C-alpha atoms as a PDB file:
ATOM      1  CA  MET A   1      83.472  26.401  18.426  1.00  0.00           C
ATOM      2  CA  VAL A   2      80.318  28.449  18.029  1.00  0.00           C
ATOM      3  CA  ASN A   3      77.875  27.826  15.238  1.00  0.00           C
ATOM      4  CA  ALA A   4      76.368  31.247  14.551  1.00  0.00           C
ATOM      5  CA  PHE A   5      73.101  29.701  13.403  1.00  0.00           C
ATOM      6  CA  HIS A   6      72.607  27.819  16.668  1.00  0.00           C
ATOM      7  CA  ASP A   7      73.970  30.580  18.889  1.00  0.00           C
ATOM      8  CA  ILE A   8      75.476  29.931  22.286  1.00  0.00           C
ATOM      9  CA  PRO A   9      75.994  27.460  23.900  1.00  0.00           C
ATOM     10  CA  SER A  10      77.742  25.476  21.201  1.00  0.00           C
ATOM     11  CA  ALA A  11      77.401  21.719  20.779  1.00  0.00           C
ATOM     12  CA  ALA A  12      80.776  21.319  22.517  1.00  0.00           C
ATOM     13  CA  ASP A  13      79.559  23.445  25.448  1.00  0.00           C
ATOM     14  CA  LEU A  14      76.410  21.323  25.778  1.00  0.00           C
ATOM     15  CA  VAL A  15      78.370  18.084  25.692  1.00  0.00           C
ATOM     16  CA  GLU A  16      80.748  19.490  28.311  1.00  0.00           C
ATOM     17  CA  ALA A  17      77.829  20.388  30.584  1.00  0.00           C
ATOM     18  CA  VAL A  18      76.368  16.872  30.391  1.00  0.00           C
ATOM     19  CA  ARG A  19      79.798  15.304  30.939  1.00  0.00           C
ATOM     20  CA  GLU A  20      80.392  17.479  34.001  1.00  0.00           C
ATOM     21  CA  PHE A  21      76.950  16.596  35.424  1.00  0.00           C
ATOM     22  CA  LEU A  22      77.652  12.892  35.056  1.00  0.00           C
ATOM     23  CA  GLU A  23      81.162  13.254  36.462  1.00  0.00           C
ATOM     24  CA  ARG A  24      80.283  15.449  39.437  1.00  0.00           C
ATOM     25  CA  ASP A  25      76.761  14.370  40.381  1.00  0.00           C
ATOM     26  CA  VAL A  26      75.925  10.939  38.975  1.00  0.00           C
ATOM     27  CA  MET A  27      79.273   9.208  39.502  1.00  0.00           C
ATOM     28  CA  SER A  28      79.692  10.552  43.031  1.00  0.00           C
ATOM     29  CA  SER A  29      76.227   9.431  44.114  1.00  0.00           C
ATOM     30  CA  SER A  30      76.081   6.012  42.477  1.00  0.00           C
ATOM     31  CA  GLU A  31      77.863   2.714  42.655  1.00  0.00           C
ATOM     32  CA  GLY A  32      78.180  -0.537  40.820  1.00  0.00           C
ATOM     33  CA  ARG A  33      76.713  -0.801  37.359  1.00  0.00           C
ATOM     34  CA  VAL A  34      75.335   2.759  37.284  1.00  0.00           C
ATOM     35  CA  ALA A  35      78.693   4.231  38.334  1.00  0.00           C
ATOM     36  CA  PHE A  36      80.473   2.123  35.702  1.00  0.00           C
ATOM     37  CA  HIS A  37      78.091   3.212  32.937  1.00  0.00           C
ATOM     38  CA  ALA A  38      78.357   6.832  34.070  1.00  0.00           C
ATOM     39  CA  ARG A  39      82.152   6.569  33.817  1.00  0.00           C
ATOM     40  CA  VAL A  40      81.843   5.109  30.300  1.00  0.00           C
ATOM     41  CA  ALA A  41      79.464   7.933  29.338  1.00  0.00           C
ATOM     42  CA  VAL A  42      81.876  10.536  30.759  1.00  0.00           C
ATOM     43  CA  ASN A  43      84.698   9.083  28.663  1.00  0.00           C
ATOM     44  CA  VAL A  44      82.561   9.007  25.514  1.00  0.00           C
ATOM     45  CA  LEU A  45      81.362  12.574  26.028  1.00  0.00           C
ATOM     46  CA  GLY A  46      84.965  13.681  26.590  1.00  0.00           C
ATOM     47  CA  MET A  47      85.892  12.186  23.220  1.00  0.00           C
ATOM     48  CA  VAL A  48      82.945  13.900  21.510  1.00  0.00           C
ATOM     49  CA  GLU A  49      83.861  17.177  23.193  1.00  0.00           C
ATOM     50  CA  ARG A  50      87.474  16.991  22.013  1.00  0.00           C
ATOM     51  CA  GLU A  51      86.442  16.002  18.491  1.00  0.00           C
ATOM     52  CA  LEU A  52      84.024  18.933  18.270  1.00  0.00           C
ATOM     53  CA  ARG A  53      86.778  21.303  19.368  1.00  0.00           C
ATOM     54  CA  VAL A  54      89.704  20.055  17.258  1.00  0.00           C
ATOM     55  CA  GLY A  55      88.329  17.527  14.764  1.00  0.00           C
ATOM     56  CA  ALA A  56      87.792  19.849  11.810  1.00  0.00           C
ATOM     57  CA  GLY A  57      91.329  21.222  12.037  1.00  0.00           C
ATOM     58  CA  GLN A  58      92.765  17.742  12.414  1.00  0.00           C
ATOM     59  CA  ALA A  59      90.798  16.478   9.407  1.00  0.00           C
ATOM     60  CA  ALA A  60      92.028  19.379   7.263  1.00  0.00           C
ATOM     61  CA  ALA A  61      95.646  18.821   8.322  1.00  0.00           C
ATOM     62  CA  HIS A  62      95.292  15.091   7.661  1.00  0.00           C
ATOM     63  CA  SER A  63      93.902  15.645   4.158  1.00  0.00           C
ATOM     64  CA  ALA A  64      96.689  18.135   3.428  1.00  0.00           C
ATOM     65  CA  GLY A  65      99.278  15.632   4.649  1.00  0.00           C
ATOM     66  CA  LEU A  66      97.875  12.884   2.441  1.00  0.00           C
ATOM     67  CA  ALA A  67      97.882  15.257  -0.537  1.00  0.00           C
ATOM     68  CA  ARG A  68     101.518  16.268   0.150  1.00  0.00           C
ATOM     69  CA  LEU A  69     102.420  12.588  -0.001  1.00  0.00           C
ATOM     70  CA  GLY A  70     100.405  12.148  -3.203  1.00  0.00           C
ATOM     71  CA  PHE A  71      97.528  10.070  -1.814  1.00  0.00           C
ATOM     72  CA  GLY A  72      93.798  10.693  -1.700  1.00  0.00           C
ATOM     73  CA  SER A  73      93.015   8.479   1.288  1.00  0.00           C
ATOM     74  CA  GLU A  74      94.518   6.393   4.063  1.00  0.00           C
ATOM     75  CA  ALA A  75      93.488   3.290   2.114  1.00  0.00           C
ATOM     76  CA  GLU A  76      95.585   4.420  -0.874  1.00  0.00           C
ATOM     77  CA  LEU A  77      98.554   5.126   1.379  1.00  0.00           C
ATOM     78  CA  ALA A  78      98.196   1.759   3.124  1.00  0.00           C
ATOM     79  CA  ALA A  79      98.032  -0.061  -0.215  1.00  0.00           C
ATOM     80  CA  ALA A  80     101.148   1.761  -1.447  1.00  0.00           C
ATOM     81  CA  ILE A  81     103.032   0.838   1.734  1.00  0.00           C
ATOM     82  CA  ARG A  82     101.840  -2.770   1.573  1.00  0.00           C
ATOM     83  CA  ASP A  83     102.756  -3.106  -2.105  1.00  0.00           C
ATOM     84  CA  GLY A  84     106.180  -1.468  -1.672  1.00  0.00           C
ATOM     85  CA  ARG A  85     105.275   1.477  -3.924  1.00  0.00           C
ATOM     86  CA  VAL A  86     106.504   4.158  -1.516  1.00  0.00           C
ATOM     87  CA  PRO A  87     109.989   5.254  -2.640  1.00  0.00           C
ATOM     88  CA  ASP A  88     112.718   4.831  -0.018  1.00  0.00           C
ATOM     89  CA  ALA A  89     113.371   8.577  -0.130  1.00  0.00           C
ATOM     90  CA  GLU A  90     109.795   9.222   1.041  1.00  0.00           C
ATOM     91  CA  LEU A  91     109.673   6.661   3.869  1.00  0.00           C
ATOM     92  CA  GLY A  92     110.745   9.239   6.468  1.00  0.00           C
ATOM     93  CA  SER A  93     107.954  11.609   5.400  1.00  0.00           C
ATOM     94  CA  VAL A  94     105.423   8.766   5.456  1.00  0.00           C
ATOM     95  CA  ALA A  95     106.558   7.670   8.928  1.00  0.00           C
ATOM     96  CA  ALA A  96     106.280  11.263  10.207  1.00  0.00           C
ATOM     97  CA  PHE A  97     102.789  11.561   8.715  1.00  0.00           C
ATOM     98  CA  ILE A  98     101.698   8.303  10.362  1.00  0.00           C
ATOM     99  CA  ARG A  99     103.060   9.485  13.740  1.00  0.00           C
ATOM    100  CA  GLU A 100     101.173  12.803  13.341  1.00  0.00           C
ATOM    101  CA  THR A 101      98.000  10.874  12.451  1.00  0.00           C
ATOM    102  CA  VAL A 102      98.246   8.614  15.501  1.00  0.00           C
ATOM    103  CA  ARG A 103      98.974  11.596  17.740  1.00  0.00           C
ATOM    104  CA  ALA A 104      95.924  13.481  16.435  1.00  0.00           C
ATOM    105  CA  LYS A 105      93.695  10.455  16.990  1.00  0.00           C
ATOM    106  CA  LEU A 106      94.999  10.019  20.535  1.00  0.00           C
ATOM    107  CA  GLU A 107      94.433  13.726  21.259  1.00  0.00           C
ATOM    108  CA  VAL A 108      90.737  12.994  20.752  1.00  0.00           C
ATOM    109  CA  ALA A 109      90.441   9.395  21.956  1.00  0.00           C
ATOM    110  CA  ASN A 110      92.527   9.669  25.128  1.00  0.00           C
ATOM    111  CA  PRO A 111      95.146  12.426  25.504  1.00  0.00           C
ATOM    112  CA  ARG A 112      96.566  10.719  28.609  1.00  0.00           C
ATOM    113  CA  TYR A 113      98.090   8.073  26.333  1.00  0.00           C
ATOM    114  CA  LEU A 114     100.383  10.805  24.995  1.00  0.00           C
ATOM    115  CA  GLU A 115     101.895  11.350  28.454  1.00  0.00           C
ATOM    116  CA  GLY A 116     103.841   8.095  28.268  1.00  0.00           C
ATOM    117  CA  PRO A 117     104.039   5.329  30.827  1.00  0.00           C
ATOM    118  CA  ARG A 118     103.399   6.135  34.441  1.00  0.00           C
ATOM    119  CA  PRO A 119     105.822   4.956  37.130  1.00  0.00           C
ATOM    120  CA  PRO A 120     104.667   1.948  39.154  1.00  0.00           C
ATOM    121  CA  ALA A 121     102.693   2.780  42.283  1.00  0.00           C
END
């Protein structure tokens, strides 16, 4: 994602560069608390990187999905589910939308969770 006003490198490229520095240089040459905090920073920067790359598209798709279901926000949808105002005929569409929402959030937060359980070592 390149912002023409800010030229190249993009914000995502800059975040990637810092993440790679921490991952390759800092984590490999540190231990204990510093290594732990570097690992946390790498994970956070990975999330920011993924959100910069796909977040706008995900947000647009999410808003469109809510609108298709007739809701303006997740809070409205949650209230309708909680209060039993979602017609039975629409429950399948609502469940599919919720699965898509969770998948999109995991694609940013931690895509490895989408791979399923790993076999025991």
